[in-house]
Amino acid sequence: MKNPIGWFEIYVDDMAKAKSFYETVFECKLEPLNSPDVELWCFPGDQNAYGAMGALVKMEGCPAGGNSTIVYFACDDCAIQQARSAEYGGKVLKEKFSIGEYGFIALVTDTEGNTIGLHSMK
C-alpha cells in the first residue's frame, strides 16, 4: 500500500520572499522546475524515498493563504523550525505540543499566510 500523498504545492504571491523563508527555516536549497506559465520551486527530495515531494507555486488565479489544507514538514525537533519561522517573517499559531506516541507538532504560517505543520518525534 502506498502513502496517500504523492505531491504537495504551496501557493505563493511573492516567490522570492516565500523561497527565502522556506530555504532559511528548513536549511535547504529549492530548485526551479521547468513549467510553462507557472513558476515552481521544488523542495529537495527523492521520489523513491519515504514521504512526498512538493514545490512552491506561483500561478495566476491561485492566490496564497486562506486554504484549509495543511502540509506537515518532517523535522528532527519541530521547535527549531518553529523558532526560525517566527524569526524569518512567519507566525507561530500553535507552539510545539505532544500528539502522544506519534511525536510532536507545531503550526506556523509562512510569509504568504499559508498554514504549515511541523512534525518531529522529539
PDB file of N, CA and C in Angstrom:
ATOM      1  N   MET A   1       0.843  -1.180   0.000  1.00  0.00           N
ATOM      2  CA  MET A   1       0.000   0.000   0.000  1.00  0.00           C
ATOM      3  C   MET A   1       0.889   1.243   0.000  1.00  0.00           C
ATOM      4  N   LYS A   2       0.559   2.205  -0.837  1.00  0.00           N
ATOM      5  CA  LYS A   2       1.312   3.451  -0.909  1.00  0.00           C
ATOM      6  C   LYS A   2       0.728   4.489   0.034  1.00  0.00           C
ATOM      7  N   ASN A   3       1.567   5.461   0.413  1.00  0.00           N
ATOM      8  CA  ASN A   3       1.068   6.595   1.185  1.00  0.00           C
ATOM      9  C   ASN A   3       0.133   7.404   0.302  1.00  0.00           C
ATOM     10  N   PRO A   4      -0.915   8.033   0.859  1.00  0.00           N
ATOM     11  CA  PRO A   4      -1.906   8.723   0.036  1.00  0.00           C
ATOM     12  C   PRO A   4      -1.432  10.022  -0.597  1.00  0.00           C
ATOM     13  N   ILE A   5      -0.405  10.641  -0.055  1.00  0.00           N
ATOM     14  CA  ILE A   5       0.074  11.904  -0.615  1.00  0.00           C
ATOM     15  C   ILE A   5       1.311  11.652  -1.468  1.00  0.00           C
ATOM     16  N   GLY A   6       1.254  12.074  -2.722  1.00  0.00           N
ATOM     17  CA  GLY A   6       2.377  11.876  -3.626  1.00  0.00           C
ATOM     18  C   GLY A   6       3.069  13.168  -4.029  1.00  0.00           C
ATOM     19  N   TRP A   7       2.440  14.304  -3.744  1.00  0.00           N
ATOM     20  CA  TRP A   7       2.984  15.597  -4.156  1.00  0.00           C
ATOM     21  C   TRP A   7       2.269  16.669  -3.357  1.00  0.00           C
ATOM     22  N   PHE A   8       2.921  17.783  -3.084  1.00  0.00           N
ATOM     23  CA  PHE A   8       2.225  18.901  -2.461  1.00  0.00           C
ATOM     24  C   PHE A   8       2.652  20.187  -3.133  1.00  0.00           C
ATOM     25  N   GLU A   9       1.770  21.172  -3.098  1.00  0.00           N
ATOM     26  CA  GLU A   9       2.062  22.504  -3.625  1.00  0.00           C
ATOM     27  C   GLU A   9       1.627  23.537  -2.603  1.00  0.00           C
ATOM     28  N   ILE A  10       2.464  24.543  -2.409  1.00  0.00           N
ATOM     29  CA  ILE A  10       2.161  25.661  -1.530  1.00  0.00           C
ATOM     30  C   ILE A  10       2.106  26.896  -2.425  1.00  0.00           C
ATOM     31  N   TYR A  11       0.937  27.480  -2.548  1.00  0.00           N
ATOM     32  CA  TYR A  11       0.757  28.614  -3.449  1.00  0.00           C
ATOM     33  C   TYR A  11       1.224  29.910  -2.792  1.00  0.00           C
ATOM     34  N   VAL A  12       1.925  30.729  -3.567  1.00  0.00           N
ATOM     35  CA  VAL A  12       2.512  31.963  -3.055  1.00  0.00           C
ATOM     36  C   VAL A  12       2.233  33.113  -4.020  1.00  0.00           C
ATOM     37  N   ASP A  13       2.299  34.334  -3.487  1.00  0.00           N
ATOM     38  CA  ASP A  13       2.185  35.538  -4.315  1.00  0.00           C
ATOM     39  C   ASP A  13       3.556  36.165  -4.546  1.00  0.00           C
ATOM     40  N   ASP A  14       4.417  36.143  -3.549  1.00  0.00           N
ATOM     41  CA  ASP A  14       5.760  36.719  -3.613  1.00  0.00           C
ATOM     42  C   ASP A  14       6.764  35.577  -3.536  1.00  0.00           C
ATOM     43  N   MET A  15       7.158  35.053  -4.701  1.00  0.00           N
ATOM     44  CA  MET A  15       8.016  33.871  -4.752  1.00  0.00           C
ATOM     45  C   MET A  15       9.358  34.104  -4.077  1.00  0.00           C
ATOM     46  N   ALA A  16       9.988  35.237  -4.307  1.00  0.00           N
ATOM     47  CA  ALA A  16      11.304  35.490  -3.719  1.00  0.00           C
ATOM     48  C   ALA A  16      11.236  35.458  -2.193  1.00  0.00           C
ATOM     49  N   LYS A  17      10.225  36.097  -1.635  1.00  0.00           N
ATOM     50  CA  LYS A  17      10.058  36.139  -0.184  1.00  0.00           C
ATOM     51  C   LYS A  17       9.755  34.745   0.371  1.00  0.00           C
ATOM     52  N   ALA A  18       8.838  34.031  -0.267  1.00  0.00           N
ATOM     53  CA  ALA A  18       8.465  32.686   0.192  1.00  0.00           C
ATOM     54  C   ALA A  18       9.638  31.717   0.057  1.00  0.00           C
ATOM     55  N   LYS A  19      10.351  31.782  -1.050  1.00  0.00           N
ATOM     56  CA  LYS A  19      11.505  30.910  -1.278  1.00  0.00           C
ATOM     57  C   LYS A  19      12.566  31.139  -0.205  1.00  0.00           C
ATOM     58  N   SER A  20      12.841  32.380   0.090  1.00  0.00           N
ATOM     59  CA  SER A  20      13.819  32.713   1.131  1.00  0.00           C
ATOM     60  C   SER A  20      13.382  32.173   2.489  1.00  0.00           C
ATOM     61  N   PHE A  21      12.101  32.318   2.825  1.00  0.00           N
ATOM     62  CA  PHE A  21      11.559  31.818   4.086  1.00  0.00           C
ATOM     63  C   PHE A  21      11.788  30.312   4.217  1.00  0.00           C
ATOM     64  N   TYR A  22      11.371  29.536   3.227  1.00  0.00           N
ATOM     65  CA  TYR A  22      11.478  28.078   3.314  1.00  0.00           C
ATOM     66  C   TYR A  22      12.930  27.606   3.286  1.00  0.00           C
ATOM     67  N   GLU A  23      13.760  28.229   2.460  1.00  0.00           N
ATOM     68  CA  GLU A  23      15.170  27.837   2.424  1.00  0.00           C
ATOM     69  C   GLU A  23      15.855  28.123   3.759  1.00  0.00           C
ATOM     70  N   THR A  24      15.496  29.211   4.408  1.00  0.00           N
ATOM     71  CA  THR A  24      16.102  29.568   5.688  1.00  0.00           C
ATOM     72  C   THR A  24      15.571  28.710   6.823  1.00  0.00           C
ATOM     73  N   VAL A  25      14.263  28.556   6.918  1.00  0.00           N
ATOM     74  CA  VAL A  25      13.663  27.786   8.011  1.00  0.00           C
ATOM     75  C   VAL A  25      14.098  26.318   7.966  1.00  0.00           C
ATOM     76  N   PHE A  26      14.134  25.734   6.779  1.00  0.00           N
ATOM     77  CA  PHE A  26      14.459  24.309   6.659  1.00  0.00           C
ATOM     78  C   PHE A  26      15.887  24.044   6.193  1.00  0.00           C
ATOM     79  N   GLU A  27      16.698  25.099   6.094  1.00  0.00           N
ATOM     80  CA  GLU A  27      18.106  24.986   5.708  1.00  0.00           C
ATOM     81  C   GLU A  27      18.270  24.073   4.492  1.00  0.00           C
ATOM     82  N   CYS A  28      17.593  24.448   3.398  1.00  0.00           N
ATOM     83  CA  CYS A  28      17.654  23.667   2.164  1.00  0.00           C
ATOM     84  C   CYS A  28      17.733  24.611   0.969  1.00  0.00           C
ATOM     85  N   LYS A  29      17.944  24.056  -0.193  1.00  0.00           N
ATOM     86  CA  LYS A  29      18.009  24.821  -1.430  1.00  0.00           C
ATOM     87  C   LYS A  29      16.901  24.329  -2.348  1.00  0.00           C
ATOM     88  N   LEU A  30      15.955  25.210  -2.686  1.00  0.00           N
ATOM     89  CA  LEU A  30      14.893  24.859  -3.617  1.00  0.00           C
ATOM     90  C   LEU A  30      15.418  24.979  -5.040  1.00  0.00           C
ATOM     91  N   GLU A  31      14.952  24.092  -5.900  1.00  0.00           N
ATOM     92  CA  GLU A  31      15.398  24.063  -7.293  1.00  0.00           C
ATOM     93  C   GLU A  31      14.237  24.392  -8.226  1.00  0.00           C
ATOM     94  N   PRO A  32      14.509  25.190  -9.283  1.00  0.00           N
ATOM     95  CA  PRO A  32      13.419  25.529 -10.204  1.00  0.00           C
ATOM     96  C   PRO A  32      12.976  24.317 -11.023  1.00  0.00           C
ATOM     97  N   LEU A  33      11.670  24.248 -11.298  1.00  0.00           N
ATOM     98  CA  LEU A  33      11.129  23.227 -12.192  1.00  0.00           C
ATOM     99  C   LEU A  33      10.666  23.933 -13.460  1.00  0.00           C
ATOM    100  N   ASN A  34      10.962  23.349 -14.597  1.00  0.00           N
ATOM    101  CA  ASN A  34      10.620  23.934 -15.882  1.00  0.00           C
ATOM    102  C   ASN A  34       9.146  23.643 -16.184  1.00  0.00           C
ATOM    103  N   SER A  35       8.328  24.694 -16.171  1.00  0.00           N
ATOM    104  CA  SER A  35       6.904  24.540 -16.435  1.00  0.00           C
ATOM    105  C   SER A  35       6.387  25.805 -17.116  1.00  0.00           C
ATOM    106  N   PRO A  36       5.657  25.653 -18.217  1.00  0.00           N
ATOM    107  CA  PRO A  36       5.151  26.845 -18.907  1.00  0.00           C
ATOM    108  C   PRO A  36       4.061  27.540 -18.095  1.00  0.00           C
ATOM    109  N   ASP A  37       4.134  28.858 -18.016  1.00  0.00           N
ATOM    110  CA  ASP A  37       3.117  29.708 -17.393  1.00  0.00           C
ATOM    111  C   ASP A  37       2.971  29.554 -15.879  1.00  0.00           C
ATOM    112  N   VAL A  38       3.799  28.725 -15.244  1.00  0.00           N
ATOM    113  CA  VAL A  38       3.731  28.516 -13.805  1.00  0.00           C
ATOM    114  C   VAL A  38       5.156  28.538 -13.254  1.00  0.00           C
ATOM    115  N   GLU A  39       5.369  29.306 -12.177  1.00  0.00           N
ATOM    116  CA  GLU A  39       6.686  29.329 -11.538  1.00  0.00           C
ATOM    117  C   GLU A  39       6.673  28.333 -10.390  1.00  0.00           C
ATOM    118  N   LEU A  40       7.566  27.335 -10.465  1.00  0.00           N
ATOM    119  CA  LEU A  40       7.657  26.291  -9.441  1.00  0.00           C
ATOM    120  C   LEU A  40       9.086  26.178  -8.919  1.00  0.00           C
ATOM    121  N   TRP A  41       9.213  26.072  -7.603  1.00  0.00           N
ATOM    122  CA  TRP A  41      10.500  25.832  -6.949  1.00  0.00           C
ATOM    123  C   TRP A  41      10.325  24.613  -6.055  1.00  0.00           C
ATOM    124  N   CYS A  42      11.024  23.533  -6.393  1.00  0.00           N
ATOM    125  CA  CYS A  42      10.850  22.238  -5.747  1.00  0.00           C
ATOM    126  C   CYS A  42      11.729  22.092  -4.502  1.00  0.00           C
ATOM    127  N   PHE A  43      11.129  21.509  -3.464  1.00  0.00           N
ATOM    128  CA  PHE A  43      11.886  21.157  -2.270  1.00  0.00           C
ATOM    129  C   PHE A  43      12.795  19.975  -2.609  1.00  0.00           C
ATOM    130  N   PRO A  44      13.965  19.885  -1.963  1.00  0.00           N
ATOM    131  CA  PRO A  44      14.854  18.758  -2.232  1.00  0.00           C
ATOM    132  C   PRO A  44      14.230  17.449  -1.753  1.00  0.00           C
ATOM    133  N   GLY A  45      14.524  16.384  -2.445  1.00  0.00           N
ATOM    134  CA  GLY A  45      13.989  15.094  -2.043  1.00  0.00           C
ATOM    135  C   GLY A  45      14.311  14.021  -3.057  1.00  0.00           C
ATOM    136  N   ASP A  46      13.781  12.848  -2.808  1.00  0.00           N
ATOM    137  CA  ASP A  46      13.987  11.672  -3.646  1.00  0.00           C
ATOM    138  C   ASP A  46      12.623  11.038  -3.868  1.00  0.00           C
ATOM    139  N   GLN A  47      12.172  10.993  -5.118  1.00  0.00           N
ATOM    140  CA  GLN A  47      10.843  10.456  -5.418  1.00  0.00           C
ATOM    141  C   GLN A  47      10.694   8.992  -5.028  1.00  0.00           C
ATOM    142  N   ASN A  48      11.802   8.292  -4.848  1.00  0.00           N
ATOM    143  CA  ASN A  48      11.746   6.882  -4.490  1.00  0.00           C
ATOM    144  C   ASN A  48      11.866   6.653  -2.987  1.00  0.00           C
ATOM    145  N   ALA A  49      11.964   7.716  -2.212  1.00  0.00           N
ATOM    146  CA  ALA A  49      12.110   7.606  -0.763  1.00  0.00           C
ATOM    147  C   ALA A  49      10.762   7.830  -0.084  1.00  0.00           C
ATOM    148  N   TYR A  50      10.727   7.571   1.219  1.00  0.00           N
ATOM    149  CA  TYR A  50       9.517   7.771   2.024  1.00  0.00           C
ATOM    150  C   TYR A  50       9.125   9.241   2.033  1.00  0.00           C
ATOM    151  N   GLY A  51       7.850   9.540   1.996  1.00  0.00           N
ATOM    152  CA  GLY A  51       7.368  10.917   2.054  1.00  0.00           C
ATOM    153  C   GLY A  51       7.025  11.447   0.680  1.00  0.00           C
ATOM    154  N   ALA A  52       6.491  12.658   0.653  1.00  0.00           N
ATOM    155  CA  ALA A  52       6.031  13.267  -0.594  1.00  0.00           C
ATOM    156  C   ALA A  52       6.947  14.409  -1.014  1.00  0.00           C
ATOM    157  N   MET A  53       7.121  14.551  -2.300  1.00  0.00           N
ATOM    158  CA  MET A  53       7.848  15.682  -2.867  1.00  0.00           C
ATOM    159  C   MET A  53       6.846  16.822  -3.073  1.00  0.00           C
ATOM    160  N   GLY A  54       7.373  18.054  -3.235  1.00  0.00           N
ATOM    161  CA  GLY A  54       6.476  19.173  -3.462  1.00  0.00           C
ATOM    162  C   GLY A  54       7.213  20.430  -3.824  1.00  0.00           C
ATOM    163  N   ALA A  55       6.459  21.509  -4.059  1.00  0.00           N
ATOM    164  CA  ALA A  55       7.050  22.745  -4.556  1.00  0.00           C
ATOM    165  C   ALA A  55       6.243  23.963  -4.111  1.00  0.00           C
ATOM    166  N   LEU A  56       6.932  25.116  -4.128  1.00  0.00           N
ATOM    167  CA  LEU A  56       6.255  26.404  -4.039  1.00  0.00           C
ATOM    168  C   LEU A  56       5.751  26.715  -5.436  1.00  0.00           C
ATOM    169  N   VAL A  57       4.554  27.275  -5.556  1.00  0.00           N
ATOM    170  CA  VAL A  57       3.955  27.531  -6.860  1.00  0.00           C
ATOM    171  C   VAL A  57       3.407  28.945  -6.906  1.00  0.00           C
ATOM    172  N   LYS A  58       3.746  29.660  -7.975  1.00  0.00           N
ATOM    173  CA  LYS A  58       3.138  30.960  -8.247  1.00  0.00           C
ATOM    174  C   LYS A  58       2.393  30.817  -9.566  1.00  0.00           C
ATOM    175  N   MET A  59       1.037  30.910  -9.485  1.00  0.00           N
ATOM    176  CA  MET A  59       0.216  30.709 -10.660  1.00  0.00           C
ATOM    177  C   MET A  59      -0.942  31.689 -10.630  1.00  0.00           C
ATOM    178  N   GLU A  60      -1.169  32.361 -11.739  1.00  0.00           N
ATOM    179  CA  GLU A  60      -2.266  33.316 -11.824  1.00  0.00           C
ATOM    180  C   GLU A  60      -3.585  32.620 -11.520  1.00  0.00           C
ATOM    181  N   GLY A  61      -4.402  33.271 -10.701  1.00  0.00           N
ATOM    182  CA  GLY A  61      -5.692  32.714 -10.340  1.00  0.00           C
ATOM    183  C   GLY A  61      -5.667  31.814  -9.113  1.00  0.00           C
ATOM    184  N   CYS A  62      -4.485  31.581  -8.554  1.00  0.00           N
ATOM    185  CA  CYS A  62      -4.349  30.738  -7.355  1.00  0.00           C
ATOM    186  C   CYS A  62      -3.589  31.520  -6.294  1.00  0.00           C
ATOM    187  N   PRO A  63      -4.272  32.385  -5.553  1.00  0.00           N
ATOM    188  CA  PRO A  63      -3.593  33.222  -4.564  1.00  0.00           C
ATOM    189  C   PRO A  63      -3.146  32.434  -3.330  1.00  0.00           C
ATOM    190  N   ALA A  64      -2.200  33.000  -2.612  1.00  0.00           N
ATOM    191  CA  ALA A  64      -1.674  32.402  -1.383  1.00  0.00           C
ATOM    192  C   ALA A  64      -2.642  32.593  -0.228  1.00  0.00           C
ATOM    193  N   GLY A  65      -2.463  31.782   0.813  1.00  0.00           N
ATOM    194  CA  GLY A  65      -3.201  31.935   2.067  1.00  0.00           C
ATOM    195  C   GLY A  65      -4.653  31.531   1.958  1.00  0.00           C
ATOM    196  N   GLY A  66      -5.287  31.452   3.108  1.00  0.00           N
ATOM    197  CA  GLY A  66      -6.712  31.189   3.165  1.00  0.00           C
ATOM    198  C   GLY A  66      -7.124  29.777   2.810  1.00  0.00           C
ATOM    199  N   ASN A  67      -6.164  28.860   2.725  1.00  0.00           N
ATOM    200  CA  ASN A  67      -6.559  27.494   2.386  1.00  0.00           C
ATOM    201  C   ASN A  67      -6.792  26.668   3.642  1.00  0.00           C
ATOM    202  N   SER A  68      -7.395  25.516   3.482  1.00  0.00           N
ATOM    203  CA  SER A  68      -7.681  24.672   4.639  1.00  0.00           C
ATOM    204  C   SER A  68      -6.874  23.381   4.622  1.00  0.00           C
ATOM    205  N   THR A  69      -5.873  23.287   3.770  1.00  0.00           N
ATOM    206  CA  THR A  69      -5.014  22.120   3.700  1.00  0.00           C
ATOM    207  C   THR A  69      -3.716  22.427   4.424  1.00  0.00           C
ATOM    208  N   ILE A  70      -3.258  21.483   5.264  1.00  0.00           N
ATOM    209  CA  ILE A  70      -2.003  21.685   5.980  1.00  0.00           C
ATOM    210  C   ILE A  70      -1.019  20.608   5.570  1.00  0.00           C
ATOM    211  N   VAL A  71       0.137  21.034   5.109  1.00  0.00           N
ATOM    212  CA  VAL A  71       1.237  20.141   4.786  1.00  0.00           C
ATOM    213  C   VAL A  71       2.142  20.104   6.005  1.00  0.00           C
ATOM    214  N   TYR A  72       2.519  18.899   6.453  1.00  0.00           N
ATOM    215  CA  TYR A  72       3.423  18.762   7.592  1.00  0.00           C
ATOM    216  C   TYR A  72       4.827  18.437   7.098  1.00  0.00           C
ATOM    217  N   PHE A  73       5.798  19.256   7.525  1.00  0.00           N
ATOM    218  CA  PHE A  73       7.191  19.024   7.210  1.00  0.00           C
ATOM    219  C   PHE A  73       7.825  18.195   8.322  1.00  0.00           C
ATOM    220  N   ALA A  74       8.577  17.163   7.952  1.00  0.00           N
ATOM    221  CA  ALA A  74       9.280  16.331   8.930  1.00  0.00           C
ATOM    222  C   ALA A  74      10.506  17.086   9.437  1.00  0.00           C
ATOM    223  N   CYS A  75      10.698  17.096  10.755  1.00  0.00           N
ATOM    224  CA  CYS A  75      11.795  17.809  11.401  1.00  0.00           C
ATOM    225  C   CYS A  75      12.444  16.894  12.436  1.00  0.00           C
ATOM    226  N   ASP A  76      13.700  17.168  12.782  1.00  0.00           N
ATOM    227  CA  ASP A  76      14.327  16.445  13.888  1.00  0.00           C
ATOM    228  C   ASP A  76      13.702  16.877  15.203  1.00  0.00           C
ATOM    229  N   ASP A  77      13.520  18.174  15.382  1.00  0.00           N
ATOM    230  CA  ASP A  77      12.860  18.746  16.551  1.00  0.00           C
ATOM    231  C   ASP A  77      12.082  19.950  16.048  1.00  0.00           C
ATOM    232  N   CYS A  78      10.769  19.853  15.970  1.00  0.00           N
ATOM    233  CA  CYS A  78       9.966  20.897  15.342  1.00  0.00           C
ATOM    234  C   CYS A  78      10.048  22.244  16.060  1.00  0.00           C
ATOM    235  N   ALA A  79      10.537  22.274  17.285  1.00  0.00           N
ATOM    236  CA  ALA A  79      10.724  23.548  17.988  1.00  0.00           C
ATOM    237  C   ALA A  79      11.750  24.426  17.279  1.00  0.00           C
ATOM    238  N   ILE A  80      12.724  23.800  16.624  1.00  0.00           N
ATOM    239  CA  ILE A  80      13.767  24.567  15.913  1.00  0.00           C
ATOM    240  C   ILE A  80      13.149  25.314  14.737  1.00  0.00           C
ATOM    241  N   GLN A  81      12.392  24.606  13.899  1.00  0.00           N
ATOM    242  CA  GLN A  81      11.770  25.252  12.739  1.00  0.00           C
ATOM    243  C   GLN A  81      10.669  26.214  13.174  1.00  0.00           C
ATOM    244  N   GLN A  82      10.014  25.928  14.282  1.00  0.00           N
ATOM    245  CA  GLN A  82       9.013  26.850  14.837  1.00  0.00           C
ATOM    246  C   GLN A  82       9.674  28.186  15.151  1.00  0.00           C
ATOM    247  N   ALA A  83      10.821  28.145  15.819  1.00  0.00           N
ATOM    248  CA  ALA A  83      11.542  29.375  16.178  1.00  0.00           C
ATOM    249  C   ALA A  83      12.024  30.107  14.931  1.00  0.00           C
ATOM    250  N   ARG A  84      12.557  29.368  13.969  1.00  0.00           N
ATOM    251  CA  ARG A  84      13.029  30.000  12.723  1.00  0.00           C
ATOM    252  C   ARG A  84      11.868  30.645  11.976  1.00  0.00           C
ATOM    253  N   SER A  85      10.725  29.995  11.974  1.00  0.00           N
ATOM    254  CA  SER A  85       9.557  30.542  11.276  1.00  0.00           C
ATOM    255  C   SER A  85       9.203  31.921  11.812  1.00  0.00           C
ATOM    256  N   ALA A  86       9.154  32.052  13.127  1.00  0.00           N
ATOM    257  CA  ALA A  86       8.832  33.341  13.743  1.00  0.00           C
ATOM    258  C   ALA A  86       9.924  34.365  13.459  1.00  0.00           C
ATOM    259  N   GLU A  87      11.170  33.922  13.469  1.00  0.00           N
ATOM    260  CA  GLU A  87      12.305  34.829  13.254  1.00  0.00           C
ATOM    261  C   GLU A  87      12.373  35.357  11.825  1.00  0.00           C
ATOM    262  N   TYR A  88      11.903  34.567  10.855  1.00  0.00           N
ATOM    263  CA  TYR A  88      12.052  34.944   9.450  1.00  0.00           C
ATOM    264  C   TYR A  88      10.743  35.332   8.773  1.00  0.00           C
ATOM    265  N   GLY A  89       9.805  35.901   9.519  1.00  0.00           N
ATOM    266  CA  GLY A  89       8.629  36.508   8.908  1.00  0.00           C
ATOM    267  C   GLY A  89       7.343  35.721   9.000  1.00  0.00           C
ATOM    268  N   GLY A  90       7.389  34.516   9.529  1.00  0.00           N
ATOM    269  CA  GLY A  90       6.169  33.744   9.728  1.00  0.00           C
ATOM    270  C   GLY A  90       5.578  34.033  11.097  1.00  0.00           C
ATOM    271  N   LYS A  91       4.532  33.303  11.440  1.00  0.00           N
ATOM    272  CA  LYS A  91       3.898  33.457  12.756  1.00  0.00           C
ATOM    273  C   LYS A  91       3.650  32.075  13.348  1.00  0.00           C
ATOM    274  N   VAL A  92       3.806  31.959  14.657  1.00  0.00           N
ATOM    275  CA  VAL A  92       3.511  30.704  15.343  1.00  0.00           C
ATOM    276  C   VAL A  92       2.033  30.714  15.719  1.00  0.00           C
ATOM    277  N   LEU A  93       1.281  29.749  15.199  1.00  0.00           N
ATOM    278  CA  LEU A  93      -0.143  29.630  15.518  1.00  0.00           C
ATOM    279  C   LEU A  93      -0.352  28.738  16.727  1.00  0.00           C
ATOM    280  N   LYS A  94       0.424  27.665  16.820  1.00  0.00           N
ATOM    281  CA  LYS A  94       0.322  26.717  17.927  1.00  0.00           C
ATOM    282  C   LYS A  94       1.725  26.197  18.213  1.00  0.00           C
ATOM    283  N   GLU A  95       2.243  26.516  19.394  1.00  0.00           N
ATOM    284  CA  GLU A  95       3.589  26.080  19.761  1.00  0.00           C
ATOM    285  C   GLU A  95       3.653  24.563  19.850  1.00  0.00           C
ATOM    286  N   LYS A  96       4.857  24.043  19.749  1.00  0.00           N
ATOM    287  CA  LYS A  96       5.112  22.603  19.803  1.00  0.00           C
ATOM    288  C   LYS A  96       4.336  21.963  20.953  1.00  0.00           C
ATOM    289  N   PHE A  97       3.629  20.868  20.619  1.00  0.00           N
ATOM    290  CA  PHE A  97       2.909  20.118  21.650  1.00  0.00           C
ATOM    291  C   PHE A  97       2.896  18.636  21.278  1.00  0.00           C
ATOM    292  N   SER A  98       2.682  17.816  22.282  1.00  0.00           N
ATOM    293  CA  SER A  98       2.696  16.361  22.115  1.00  0.00           C
ATOM    294  C   SER A  98       1.428  15.868  21.432  1.00  0.00           C
ATOM    295  N   ILE A  99       1.599  14.896  20.555  1.00  0.00           N
ATOM    296  CA  ILE A  99       0.469  14.165  19.987  1.00  0.00           C
ATOM    297  C   ILE A  99       0.607  12.688  20.388  1.00  0.00           C
ATOM    298  N   GLY A 100       1.111  12.492  21.612  1.00  0.00           N
ATOM    299  CA  GLY A 100       1.253  11.155  22.179  1.00  0.00           C
ATOM    300  C   GLY A 100       2.326  10.337  21.495  1.00  0.00           C
ATOM    301  N   GLU A 101       2.027   9.077  21.234  1.00  0.00           N
ATOM    302  CA  GLU A 101       3.014   8.167  20.653  1.00  0.00           C
ATOM    303  C   GLU A 101       3.457   8.578  19.250  1.00  0.00           C
ATOM    304  N   TYR A 102       2.758   9.538  18.656  1.00  0.00           N
ATOM    305  CA  TYR A 102       3.078   9.974  17.289  1.00  0.00           C
ATOM    306  C   TYR A 102       4.027  11.164  17.250  1.00  0.00           C
ATOM    307  N   GLY A 103       4.530  11.596  18.403  1.00  0.00           N
ATOM    308  CA  GLY A 103       5.528  12.657  18.450  1.00  0.00           C
ATOM    309  C   GLY A 103       4.966  14.006  18.835  1.00  0.00           C
ATOM    310  N   PHE A 104       5.425  15.037  18.119  1.00  0.00           N
ATOM    311  CA  PHE A 104       5.083  16.421  18.430  1.00  0.00           C
ATOM    312  C   PHE A 104       4.795  17.176  17.147  1.00  0.00           C
ATOM    313  N   ILE A 105       3.943  18.200  17.261  1.00  0.00           N
ATOM    314  CA  ILE A 105       3.692  19.078  16.119  1.00  0.00           C
ATOM    315  C   ILE A 105       3.651  20.531  16.575  1.00  0.00           C
ATOM    316  N   ALA A 106       3.854  21.418  15.615  1.00  0.00           N
ATOM    317  CA  ALA A 106       3.658  22.856  15.796  1.00  0.00           C
ATOM    318  C   ALA A 106       3.001  23.356  14.518  1.00  0.00           C
ATOM    319  N   LEU A 107       2.219  24.429  14.627  1.00  0.00           N
ATOM    320  CA  LEU A 107       1.593  25.037  13.456  1.00  0.00           C
ATOM    321  C   LEU A 107       2.079  26.467  13.321  1.00  0.00           C
ATOM    322  N   VAL A 108       2.502  26.827  12.115  1.00  0.00           N
ATOM    323  CA  VAL A 108       3.001  28.174  11.836  1.00  0.00           C
ATOM    324  C   VAL A 108       2.427  28.649  10.510  1.00  0.00           C
ATOM    325  N   THR A 109       2.538  29.954  10.261  1.00  0.00           N
ATOM    326  CA  THR A 109       2.233  30.463   8.927  1.00  0.00           C
ATOM    327  C   THR A 109       3.541  30.900   8.284  1.00  0.00           C
ATOM    328  N   ASP A 110       3.564  30.811   6.958  1.00  0.00           N
ATOM    329  CA  ASP A 110       4.732  31.302   6.231  1.00  0.00           C
ATOM    330  C   ASP A 110       4.541  32.790   5.935  1.00  0.00           C
ATOM    331  N   THR A 111       5.426  33.370   5.163  1.00  0.00           N
ATOM    332  CA  THR A 111       5.367  34.797   4.849  1.00  0.00           C
ATOM    333  C   THR A 111       4.192  35.151   3.936  1.00  0.00           C
ATOM    334  N   GLU A 112       3.556  34.131   3.351  1.00  0.00           N
ATOM    335  CA  GLU A 112       2.443  34.349   2.431  1.00  0.00           C
ATOM    336  C   GLU A 112       1.085  34.106   3.083  1.00  0.00           C
ATOM    337  N   GLY A 113       1.079  33.750   4.383  1.00  0.00           N
ATOM    338  CA  GLY A 113      -0.161  33.481   5.080  1.00  0.00           C
ATOM    339  C   GLY A 113      -0.631  32.054   5.020  1.00  0.00           C
ATOM    340  N   ASN A 114       0.166  31.158   4.425  1.00  0.00           N
ATOM    341  CA  ASN A 114      -0.182  29.742   4.378  1.00  0.00           C
ATOM    342  C   ASN A 114       0.133  29.074   5.701  1.00  0.00           C
ATOM    343  N   THR A 115      -0.767  28.256   6.209  1.00  0.00           N
ATOM    344  CA  THR A 115      -0.506  27.490   7.426  1.00  0.00           C
ATOM    345  C   THR A 115       0.229  26.222   7.029  1.00  0.00           C
ATOM    346  N   ILE A 116       1.334  25.945   7.738  1.00  0.00           N
ATOM    347  CA  ILE A 116       2.073  24.705   7.532  1.00  0.00           C
ATOM    348  C   ILE A 116       2.269  24.042   8.885  1.00  0.00           C
ATOM    349  N   GLY A 117       2.396  22.722   8.864  1.00  0.00           N
ATOM    350  CA  GLY A 117       2.642  21.970  10.078  1.00  0.00           C
ATOM    351  C   GLY A 117       4.095  21.533  10.151  1.00  0.00           C
ATOM    352  N   LEU A 118       4.582  21.377  11.380  1.00  0.00           N
ATOM    353  CA  LEU A 118       5.924  20.880  11.634  1.00  0.00           C
ATOM    354  C   LEU A 118       5.764  19.640  12.509  1.00  0.00           C
ATOM    355  N   HIS A 119       6.420  18.547  12.162  1.00  0.00           N
ATOM    356  CA  HIS A 119       6.289  17.294  12.925  1.00  0.00           C
ATOM    357  C   HIS A 119       7.659  16.739  13.273  1.00  0.00           C
ATOM    358  N   SER A 120       7.790  16.251  14.498  1.00  0.00           N
ATOM    359  CA  SER A 120       9.018  15.555  14.914  1.00  0.00           C
ATOM    360  C   SER A 120       8.659  14.514  15.961  1.00  0.00           C
ATOM    361  N   MET A 121       9.567  13.573  16.141  1.00  0.00           N
ATOM    362  CA  MET A 121       9.366  12.545  17.161  1.00  0.00           C
ATOM    363  C   MET A 121       9.934  12.959  18.507  1.00  0.00           C
ATOM    364  N   LYS A 122      10.734  14.050  18.537  1.00  0.00           N
ATOM    365  CA  LYS A 122      11.254  14.527  19.831  1.00  0.00           C
ATOM    366  C   LYS A 122      10.917  15.987  20.020  1.00  0.00           C
TER     367      LYS A 122
END
